Amino acid sequence: MKLEAREERRYKAAISIIEERMTVAQGAEALRKSERQTRRIVNRVREEGEKGVIHKSRGKPSPKKFSQELTEKIIEHVKSEYHDFNLTHTCEKLDERHQIKVSREKLRQIKTAAGIYTPAKVKKIHRKKRKRKDCIGMLIQMDGSIHDWFEGRRKLCWLILLIDDASNDVFMRFVEHESTECVMQVVREYIEKYGCPQSFYVDRDSIYKVNGNQIQFAITETDPPITQFARAMNKLGIEMIFARSPQAKGRVERQFSILQDRLPKELRLRNISTVEEANKFLDEYYIDYYSKKFGVVPLSQADLHVKLPDYADLDSIFSIHNERKILRDYTFKFEKRIYQIQPTRKCVVIPNKKVTIEKWLDKTVHARYKDTYLEIEDVTHLERPKVSGKQKPKPVLKAEKYLKYPFIKPKPGYKERYGPEKIIISAETLEKITKKNSLTA
């Protein structure tokens, strides 16, 4: 076995000591070892020659080396079940489900050797880190993400995520759409469970902020218009903070990169294919598991969530508010329906005044007049369709020959529907064409 440079120096020093051309103290100083260790090297050289300075473990396999059978088993699990899992997630699942403990670096080496791993190129962008809030409930970042969460087992849906800035504790729900009603429902569930936070940190979506021409709601005539969601937050005393870039609320944005990678696979392993089952899984297991795994210790243990008082009417707060005018027959129109106000002694209802219409999250309609809910009845069925004074003549259904009237240009789409030589014309047009033909003749 060929000696390395370091071993060659040890061997020459040992030979010099044996031949008494150098003392043990001089040899120890040359080798930078103690005299005791130097004597051991000299004794091994006397007994074994050059092999005395070679390490005994050289050429032998490491006792910690993975066996070929275990390596093949890991590759088989990765290809069959965890082909799209990242390295850390795969290590966790191998330990959790198959009792195979492997480090992230070792798994990377195994996958690279098998040709099933290609490292991704990551661009490093300089960002300024923002300090976390000190207490739980001071700031809640909220956002939604549409993704193929069920991997094609159903249509695309949204995940609404709320994350505490101080502790990284999360609350999440699957919804069909990122609409005002769905966001209100998720926030209501959060408030009923934890209480009202001091502020919500959101983007500038039209659900949260008035942008351009959209349906607006003003608390009074002098107040600027706000969205339905912002009105509900004002009622609860929760401040709305609007981010000017995705990086500004990076804590919630970064969580989606983790959830889009991990959560679909967790749903796949449990064969979950509906929103109801997924939300049940989030409540019973995944929210607590995720918060413990990725949570941080807040600087203060104080919880600034405010519990709702008993008199708080969440049905009214989390609803869509609109205003309508009371007609002389004590009716009002809302969403193409006619509602009759029933007689009441709670308050005096005056025609031509405005009534606030509340459409609750359960799709029921309620009318509130001066902080009093009125009893209403849908009377749309009593209306009769109006007959207009001048009825339009019905078009001639028979196809007329286009070649007979060459000065008529067919409308777009007629040629594809009735052929290049046919056109549908009305009775009036046909009468005018007939008169014109008789005059020219």
Protein backbone atom coordinates (compact mmCIF):
# COMPACT_ATOMS: atom_id res chain seq x y z
CA MET A 1 0.00 0.00 0.00
CA LYS A 2 1.49 3.33 -1.05
CA LEU A 3 2.32 5.80 1.72
CA GLU A 4 0.83 9.29 1.79
CA ALA A 5 3.03 12.38 2.35
CA ARG A 6 2.13 12.61 6.03
CA GLU A 7 2.77 8.91 6.59
CA GLU A 8 6.08 9.18 4.72
CA ARG A 9 7.28 11.86 7.15
CA ARG A 10 6.31 9.72 10.14
CA TYR A 11 8.14 6.69 8.71
CA LYS A 12 11.39 8.63 8.04
CA ALA A 13 11.31 10.16 11.54
CA ALA A 14 10.76 6.71 13.09
CA ILE A 15 13.68 5.21 11.08
CA SER A 16 15.94 8.08 12.16
CA ILE A 17 15.07 7.42 15.83
CA ILE A 18 15.62 3.67 15.39
CA GLU A 19 19.04 4.29 13.78
CA GLU A 20 19.82 6.76 16.62
CA ARG A 21 20.30 9.67 14.22
CA MET A 22 17.58 11.55 16.13
CA THR A 23 16.34 11.48 19.71
CA VAL A 24 12.70 10.83 20.66
CA ALA A 25 12.33 14.45 21.81
CA GLN A 26 13.60 15.75 18.47
CA GLY A 27 11.35 13.35 16.58
CA ALA A 28 8.30 14.46 18.62
CA GLU A 29 9.07 18.10 17.85
CA ALA A 30 9.47 17.32 14.13
CA LEU A 31 6.18 15.39 14.00
CA ARG A 32 4.38 17.84 16.34
CA LYS A 33 3.31 15.00 18.62
CA SER A 34 3.97 14.06 22.20
CA GLU A 35 6.95 11.86 23.08
CA ARG A 36 4.58 9.15 24.22
CA GLN A 37 2.82 9.02 20.87
CA THR A 38 6.17 9.17 19.05
CA ARG A 39 7.41 6.07 20.93
CA ARG A 40 4.22 4.22 19.86
CA ILE A 41 4.87 5.07 16.21
CA VAL A 42 8.53 3.89 16.54
CA ASN A 43 7.46 0.59 18.16
CA ARG A 44 4.90 -0.10 15.35
CA VAL A 45 7.54 0.61 12.69
CA ARG A 46 9.95 -1.86 14.38
CA GLU A 47 7.25 -4.56 14.35
CA GLU A 48 5.43 -3.93 11.02
CA GLY A 49 7.71 -1.72 8.95
CA GLU A 50 5.90 0.71 6.63
CA LYS A 51 2.48 -0.66 7.61
CA GLY A 52 3.04 0.68 11.14
CA VAL A 53 2.37 4.27 10.06
CA ILE A 54 -0.73 3.44 7.94
CA HIS A 55 -4.11 3.95 9.61
CA LYS A 56 -5.83 0.64 10.37
CA SER A 57 -9.19 1.85 8.94
CA ARG A 58 -7.80 2.71 5.51
CA GLY A 59 -9.50 0.69 2.79
CA LYS A 60 -12.25 -0.60 5.12
CA PRO A 61 -15.90 0.41 4.73
CA SER A 62 -17.33 2.83 7.32
CA PRO A 63 -19.41 1.15 10.04
CA LYS A 64 -22.06 3.88 9.47
CA LYS A 65 -22.31 3.19 5.75
CA PHE A 66 -25.81 2.39 4.46
CA SER A 67 -26.14 -1.15 3.19
CA GLN A 68 -27.00 -1.67 -0.45
CA GLU A 69 -30.31 -3.25 0.56
CA LEU A 70 -31.32 -0.21 2.66
CA THR A 71 -30.24 2.19 -0.09
CA GLU A 72 -32.36 0.36 -2.66
CA LYS A 73 -35.31 0.37 -0.24
CA ILE A 74 -35.03 4.16 0.19
CA ILE A 75 -34.85 4.68 -3.59
CA GLU A 76 -37.92 2.46 -4.07
CA HIS A 77 -39.95 4.47 -1.51
CA VAL A 78 -38.86 7.76 -3.06
CA LYS A 79 -39.80 6.69 -6.59
CA SER A 80 -43.17 5.17 -5.63
CA GLU A 81 -44.49 7.57 -2.97
CA TYR A 82 -42.24 10.59 -2.46
CA HIS A 83 -41.08 11.44 -5.98
CA ASP A 84 -42.24 15.07 -5.66
CA PHE A 85 -41.39 15.59 -1.97
CA ASN A 86 -38.49 17.86 -1.02
CA LEU A 87 -35.51 16.41 0.87
CA THR A 88 -36.53 17.47 4.38
CA HIS A 89 -40.13 16.35 3.90
CA THR A 90 -38.97 12.98 2.52
CA CYS A 91 -36.69 12.39 5.54
CA GLU A 92 -39.61 13.10 7.87
CA LYS A 93 -41.94 10.69 6.06
CA LEU A 94 -39.33 7.92 5.86
CA ASP A 95 -38.87 8.15 9.64
CA GLU A 96 -42.58 8.55 10.38
CA ARG A 97 -44.03 5.87 8.11
CA HIS A 98 -41.16 3.43 7.46
CA GLN A 99 -38.89 3.86 10.51
CA ILE A 100 -35.90 4.69 8.28
CA LYS A 101 -33.71 7.42 9.74
CA VAL A 102 -31.62 9.21 7.16
CA SER A 103 -30.15 12.70 7.17
CA ARG A 104 -31.01 15.29 4.56
CA GLU A 105 -27.46 15.31 3.15
CA LYS A 106 -27.30 11.49 2.95
CA LEU A 107 -30.67 11.40 1.18
CA ARG A 108 -29.41 14.01 -1.27
CA GLN A 109 -26.35 11.87 -2.01
CA ILE A 110 -28.50 8.75 -2.51
CA LYS A 111 -30.92 10.54 -4.88
CA THR A 112 -28.07 12.18 -6.79
CA ALA A 113 -26.30 8.84 -7.26
CA ALA A 114 -29.58 7.31 -8.49
CA GLY A 115 -30.10 10.20 -10.92
CA ILE A 116 -33.44 11.32 -9.43
CA TYR A 117 -32.38 14.62 -7.87
CA THR A 118 -31.46 17.89 -9.53
CA PRO A 119 -30.74 20.87 -7.26
CA ALA A 120 -32.76 23.99 -8.04
CA LYS A 121 -31.04 27.26 -8.77
CA VAL A 122 -32.08 29.89 -6.26
CA LYS A 123 -31.64 33.58 -6.92
CA LYS A 124 -30.42 35.45 -3.88
CA ILE A 125 -32.18 38.80 -3.54
CA HIS A 126 -31.22 41.20 -0.79
CA ARG A 127 -34.16 42.01 1.50
CA LYS A 128 -34.40 43.98 4.71
CA LYS A 129 -35.72 41.88 7.58
CA ARG A 130 -38.61 43.34 9.54
CA LYS A 131 -38.79 42.80 13.28
CA ARG A 132 -41.62 40.59 14.48
CA LYS A 133 -44.33 41.92 16.75
CA ASP A 134 -43.79 41.25 20.45
CA CYS A 135 -47.18 39.82 21.48
CA ILE A 136 -49.66 37.34 20.05
CA GLY A 137 -52.68 39.02 18.48
CA MET A 138 -50.96 42.30 17.60
CA LEU A 139 -50.76 41.62 13.84
CA ILE A 140 -52.34 38.87 11.75
CA GLN A 141 -51.19 38.51 8.15
CA MET A 142 -53.89 37.13 5.82
CA ASP A 143 -53.89 36.05 2.20
CA GLY A 144 -55.40 33.46 -0.14
CA SER A 145 -53.83 31.11 -2.67
CA ILE A 146 -55.48 29.22 -5.53
CA HIS A 147 -53.72 25.96 -6.27
CA ASP A 148 -54.39 22.36 -7.29
CA TRP A 149 -54.54 21.35 -3.63
CA PHE A 150 -56.24 18.01 -4.41
CA GLU A 151 -53.97 17.14 -7.36
CA GLY A 152 -56.75 16.82 -9.93
CA ARG A 153 -59.21 14.89 -7.75
CA ARG A 154 -61.52 17.92 -7.83
CA LYS A 155 -61.58 21.41 -9.33
CA LEU A 156 -59.25 24.17 -8.14
CA CYS A 157 -60.05 25.87 -4.85
CA TRP A 158 -58.58 28.51 -2.54
CA LEU A 159 -56.75 28.22 0.77
CA ILE A 160 -57.25 31.22 3.08
CA LEU A 161 -54.32 31.48 5.51
CA LEU A 162 -54.02 33.62 8.66
CA ILE A 163 -50.65 33.69 10.45
CA ASP A 164 -49.72 35.45 13.68
CA ASP A 165 -46.71 37.70 13.16
CA ALA A 166 -45.31 37.11 16.66
CA SER A 167 -45.57 33.32 16.95
CA ASN A 168 -46.15 31.98 13.42
CA ASP A 169 -49.30 30.21 14.64
CA VAL A 170 -51.57 29.56 11.65
CA PHE A 171 -55.28 29.24 10.94
CA MET A 172 -56.38 28.04 7.51
CA ARG A 173 -59.50 27.07 5.61
CA PHE A 174 -60.30 25.73 2.14
CA VAL A 175 -62.98 27.72 0.26
CA GLU A 176 -64.44 27.50 -3.22
CA HIS A 177 -63.75 31.15 -4.12
CA GLU A 178 -61.85 34.08 -2.64
CA SER A 179 -65.00 36.17 -2.35
CA THR A 180 -66.12 38.62 0.32
CA GLU A 181 -68.54 36.08 1.80
CA CYS A 182 -65.93 33.29 1.97
CA VAL A 183 -63.29 35.53 3.53
CA MET A 184 -65.84 36.79 6.05
CA GLN A 185 -66.73 33.22 7.00
CA VAL A 186 -63.07 32.29 7.59
CA VAL A 187 -62.37 35.43 9.66
CA ARG A 188 -65.54 34.83 11.68
CA GLU A 189 -64.40 31.31 12.55
CA TYR A 190 -60.98 32.68 13.57
CA ILE A 191 -62.54 35.36 15.81
CA GLU A 192 -64.93 32.89 17.42
CA LYS A 193 -61.98 30.62 18.26
CA TYR A 194 -59.26 33.10 19.30
CA GLY A 195 -60.88 36.54 19.61
CA CYS A 196 -60.38 39.85 17.79
CA PRO A 197 -56.75 40.77 16.95
CA GLN A 198 -55.50 44.34 16.91
CA SER A 199 -54.92 44.48 13.15
CA PHE A 200 -55.04 42.54 9.89
CA TYR A 201 -52.21 42.90 7.35
CA VAL A 202 -53.65 42.28 3.86
CA ASP A 203 -52.96 43.16 0.25
CA ARG A 204 -54.85 45.72 -1.82
CA ASP A 205 -57.42 43.31 -3.25
CA SER A 206 -60.88 44.70 -3.90
CA ILE A 207 -62.22 42.56 -1.04
CA TYR A 208 -60.28 44.67 1.46
CA LYS A 209 -59.83 48.06 -0.21
CA VAL A 210 -61.87 50.20 -2.60
CA ASN A 211 -60.05 50.31 -5.95
CA GLY A 212 -61.65 52.31 -8.74
CA ASN A 213 -65.29 51.76 -9.67
CA GLN A 214 -66.72 49.00 -7.52
CA ILE A 215 -69.64 48.46 -5.16
CA GLN A 216 -68.90 50.65 -2.16
CA PHE A 217 -70.44 51.14 1.26
CA ALA A 218 -70.16 54.35 3.27
CA ILE A 219 -71.05 54.40 6.96
CA THR A 220 -72.20 58.01 6.68
CA GLU A 221 -72.48 60.43 3.76
CA THR A 222 -69.30 62.26 4.79
CA ASP A 223 -67.15 59.13 5.27
CA PRO A 224 -65.08 57.77 2.40
CA PRO A 225 -66.43 54.58 0.81
CA ILE A 226 -65.11 51.29 2.18
CA THR A 227 -65.61 47.65 1.29
CA GLN A 228 -68.01 45.32 3.07
CA PHE A 229 -65.13 43.51 4.76
CA ALA A 230 -63.54 46.78 5.98
CA ARG A 231 -66.93 47.85 7.37
CA ALA A 232 -67.12 44.62 9.41
CA MET A 233 -63.58 45.14 10.74
CA ASN A 234 -64.40 48.75 11.73
CA LYS A 235 -67.41 47.46 13.63
CA LEU A 236 -65.16 45.07 15.58
CA GLY A 237 -62.44 47.68 16.14
CA ILE A 238 -59.82 45.85 14.06
CA GLU A 239 -57.35 47.97 12.12
CA MET A 240 -56.75 47.23 8.43
CA ILE A 241 -53.15 47.59 7.16
CA PHE A 242 -52.63 47.41 3.39
CA ALA A 243 -49.34 46.10 2.00
CA ARG A 244 -47.81 47.77 -1.04
CA SER A 245 -45.89 44.70 -2.25
CA PRO A 246 -45.94 40.91 -1.75
CA GLN A 247 -42.58 41.13 0.03
CA ALA A 248 -44.10 43.42 2.66
CA LYS A 249 -46.21 40.54 3.99
CA GLY A 250 -43.57 37.95 3.25
CA ARG A 251 -44.35 35.79 6.29
CA VAL A 252 -47.68 34.66 4.87
CA GLU A 253 -46.38 34.54 1.29
CA ARG A 254 -43.51 32.21 2.24
CA GLN A 255 -45.87 29.87 4.05
CA PHE A 256 -47.72 29.22 0.78
CA SER A 257 -44.52 27.93 -0.82
CA ILE A 258 -44.29 25.38 2.00
CA LEU A 259 -48.00 24.52 2.02
CA GLN A 260 -48.24 24.13 -1.77
CA ASP A 261 -45.44 21.59 -1.54
CA ARG A 262 -46.48 19.67 1.60
CA LEU A 263 -50.25 19.95 2.07
CA PRO A 264 -51.36 18.31 -1.24
CA LYS A 265 -49.19 15.29 -0.44
CA GLU A 266 -50.63 15.03 3.07
CA LEU A 267 -54.15 15.07 1.57
CA ARG A 268 -53.08 12.45 -0.98
CA LEU A 269 -51.70 10.10 1.70
CA ARG A 270 -55.04 10.28 3.53
CA ASN A 271 -57.12 10.03 0.33
CA ILE A 272 -58.97 13.32 1.02
CA SER A 273 -60.81 14.72 -2.02
CA THR A 274 -63.43 17.17 -0.71
CA VAL A 275 -63.27 20.59 0.90
CA GLU A 276 -65.31 19.42 3.89
CA GLU A 277 -62.98 16.51 4.65
CA ALA A 278 -59.92 18.73 4.12
CA ASN A 279 -61.18 21.37 6.58
CA LYS A 280 -61.91 18.65 9.12
CA PHE A 281 -58.35 17.34 8.68
CA LEU A 282 -57.00 20.87 9.19
CA ASP A 283 -58.96 21.30 12.43
CA GLU A 284 -58.22 17.90 13.93
CA TYR A 285 -54.54 17.58 13.07
CA TYR A 286 -52.72 19.74 10.57
CA ILE A 287 -53.14 23.26 12.05
CA ASP A 288 -51.67 22.21 15.42
CA TYR A 289 -48.97 20.10 13.75
CA TYR A 290 -47.94 22.92 11.41
CA SER A 291 -47.93 25.56 14.15
CA LYS A 292 -45.73 23.42 16.40
CA LYS A 293 -43.32 22.56 13.59
CA PHE A 294 -42.85 26.05 12.14
CA GLY A 295 -43.83 28.21 15.12
CA VAL A 296 -41.47 30.51 17.00
CA VAL A 297 -41.41 31.68 20.62
CA PRO A 298 -42.89 35.19 20.92
CA LEU A 299 -40.96 37.85 22.79
CA SER A 300 -43.86 38.30 25.23
CA GLN A 301 -46.31 35.67 26.45
CA ALA A 302 -49.19 38.19 26.54
CA ASP A 303 -52.15 37.45 24.25
CA LEU A 304 -53.79 40.62 22.94
CA HIS A 305 -56.79 38.90 21.33
CA VAL A 306 -60.01 40.45 22.65
CA LYS A 307 -62.91 38.11 23.32
CA LEU A 308 -66.24 39.18 21.85
CA PRO A 309 -68.96 40.35 24.24
CA ASP A 310 -72.15 38.33 24.46
CA TYR A 311 -74.22 41.05 22.81
CA ALA A 312 -72.07 41.14 19.63
CA ASP A 313 -74.22 40.13 16.66
CA LEU A 314 -71.79 38.39 14.31
CA ASP A 315 -74.59 37.50 11.88
CA SER A 316 -75.19 41.20 11.27
CA ILE A 317 -71.52 42.22 11.32
CA PHE A 318 -70.40 39.53 8.87
CA SER A 319 -73.05 40.20 6.22
CA ILE A 320 -73.40 42.19 3.00
CA HIS A 321 -75.05 45.56 3.69
CA ASN A 322 -76.98 47.56 1.10
CA GLU A 323 -79.47 50.43 1.27
CA ARG A 324 -82.85 50.57 -0.44
CA LYS A 325 -85.65 53.12 -0.55
CA ILE A 326 -89.00 52.28 1.06
CA LEU A 327 -91.77 52.75 -1.50
CA ARG A 328 -95.22 54.17 -0.74
CA ASP A 329 -96.74 50.70 -0.49
CA TYR A 330 -94.11 49.76 2.15
CA THR A 331 -92.14 47.55 -0.19
CA PHE A 332 -88.55 47.61 -1.40
CA LYS A 333 -86.70 45.84 -4.19
CA PHE A 334 -83.52 43.85 -3.67
CA GLU A 335 -81.77 41.52 -6.14
CA LYS A 336 -84.76 41.43 -8.51
CA ARG A 337 -87.09 40.45 -5.65
CA ILE A 338 -89.89 42.49 -4.03
CA TYR A 339 -90.23 42.43 -0.24
CA GLN A 340 -93.26 43.64 1.75
CA ILE A 341 -92.68 45.25 5.17
CA GLN A 342 -95.16 43.91 7.71
CA PRO A 343 -96.83 46.21 10.27
CA THR A 344 -94.84 46.60 13.49
CA ARG A 345 -95.10 48.48 16.79
CA LYS A 346 -91.33 48.51 17.40
CA CYS A 347 -90.82 51.62 15.29
CA VAL A 348 -92.61 53.93 12.87
CA VAL A 349 -91.65 53.13 9.27
CA ILE A 350 -91.84 56.14 6.95
CA PRO A 351 -92.00 55.78 3.14
CA ASN A 352 -89.25 57.31 1.01
CA LYS A 353 -86.74 56.65 3.80
CA LYS A 354 -83.84 54.26 3.42
CA VAL A 355 -83.70 50.81 4.95
CA THR A 356 -80.49 48.78 5.40
CA ILE A 357 -80.65 45.37 3.76
CA GLU A 358 -78.42 42.69 5.30
CA LYS A 359 -77.67 39.54 3.35
CA TRP A 360 -76.27 37.10 5.92
CA LEU A 361 -73.74 34.40 5.15
CA ASP A 362 -76.54 31.79 5.18
CA LYS A 363 -78.09 33.68 2.16
CA THR A 364 -81.10 34.96 4.16
CA VAL A 365 -82.24 38.59 3.69
CA HIS A 366 -82.98 40.86 6.67
CA ALA A 367 -84.14 44.50 6.76
CA ARG A 368 -82.96 46.88 9.51
CA TYR A 369 -84.55 50.28 10.03
CA LYS A 370 -83.16 52.53 12.80
CA ASP A 371 -81.48 49.60 14.60
CA THR A 372 -84.71 47.61 14.48
CA TYR A 373 -85.15 44.47 12.39
CA LEU A 374 -88.38 44.53 10.40
CA GLU A 375 -90.51 41.56 9.53
CA ILE A 376 -90.53 41.19 5.73
CA GLU A 377 -92.20 38.87 3.22
CA ASP A 378 -91.23 38.04 -0.33
CA VAL A 379 -94.14 39.12 -2.55
CA THR A 380 -92.47 38.83 -5.94
CA HIS A 381 -95.07 36.26 -7.02
CA LEU A 382 -97.82 38.94 -6.81
CA GLU A 383 -96.26 40.94 -9.65
CA ARG A 384 -97.40 40.43 -13.24
CA PRO A 385 -95.16 40.89 -16.31
CA LYS A 386 -95.64 44.23 -18.04
CA VAL A 387 -96.94 44.37 -21.57
CA SER A 388 -95.15 46.99 -23.68
CA GLY A 389 -97.26 49.32 -25.87
CA LYS A 390 -95.47 48.52 -29.12
CA GLN A 391 -94.55 44.92 -29.68
CA LYS A 392 -91.70 44.09 -32.00
CA PRO A 393 -92.71 42.08 -35.05
CA LYS A 394 -91.57 38.52 -34.98
CA PRO A 395 -88.81 37.66 -37.45
CA VAL A 396 -89.55 35.49 -40.44
CA LEU A 397 -88.32 32.02 -39.60
CA LYS A 398 -88.20 30.87 -43.19
CA ALA A 399 -84.79 31.26 -44.80
CA GLU A 400 -84.83 33.69 -47.70
CA LYS A 401 -82.57 33.37 -50.68
CA TYR A 402 -79.64 35.78 -50.45
CA LEU A 403 -79.17 35.75 -54.21
CA LYS A 404 -82.72 37.10 -54.70
CA TYR A 405 -81.80 40.28 -52.78
CA PRO A 406 -78.10 40.89 -53.56
CA PHE A 407 -78.04 44.35 -51.88
CA ILE A 408 -78.69 42.82 -48.41
CA LYS A 409 -75.52 42.13 -46.44
CA PRO A 410 -75.87 39.24 -44.02
CA LYS A 411 -75.04 39.83 -40.37
CA PRO A 412 -71.97 38.18 -38.79
CA GLY A 413 -72.58 34.54 -38.01
CA TYR A 414 -75.54 34.07 -40.34
CA LYS A 415 -73.52 32.48 -43.12
CA GLU A 416 -72.01 29.94 -40.71
CA ARG A 417 -75.46 29.08 -39.31
CA TYR A 418 -77.70 29.08 -42.40
CA GLY A 419 -75.19 28.72 -45.23
CA PRO A 420 -73.68 31.29 -47.58
CA GLU A 421 -76.91 31.77 -49.56
CA LYS A 422 -79.45 32.12 -46.74
CA ILE A 423 -80.38 34.91 -44.34
CA ILE A 424 -83.16 35.51 -41.81
CA ILE A 425 -84.92 38.87 -42.19
CA SER A 426 -87.85 40.41 -40.38
CA ALA A 427 -91.31 40.95 -41.86
CA GLU A 428 -90.81 44.75 -42.04
CA THR A 429 -87.53 44.41 -43.90
CA LEU A 430 -89.08 41.92 -46.30
CA GLU A 431 -91.96 44.33 -46.98
CA LYS A 432 -89.54 47.23 -47.71
CA ILE A 433 -87.49 45.06 -50.06
CA THR A 434 -90.64 43.98 -51.94
CA LYS A 435 -91.77 47.63 -52.42
CA LYS A 436 -88.30 48.67 -53.59
CA ASN A 437 -88.17 45.82 -56.11
CA SER A 438 -91.62 46.76 -57.48
CA LEU A 439 -90.57 50.42 -57.93
CA THR A 440 -87.32 49.56 -59.68
CA ALA A 441 -89.14 47.16 -61.94
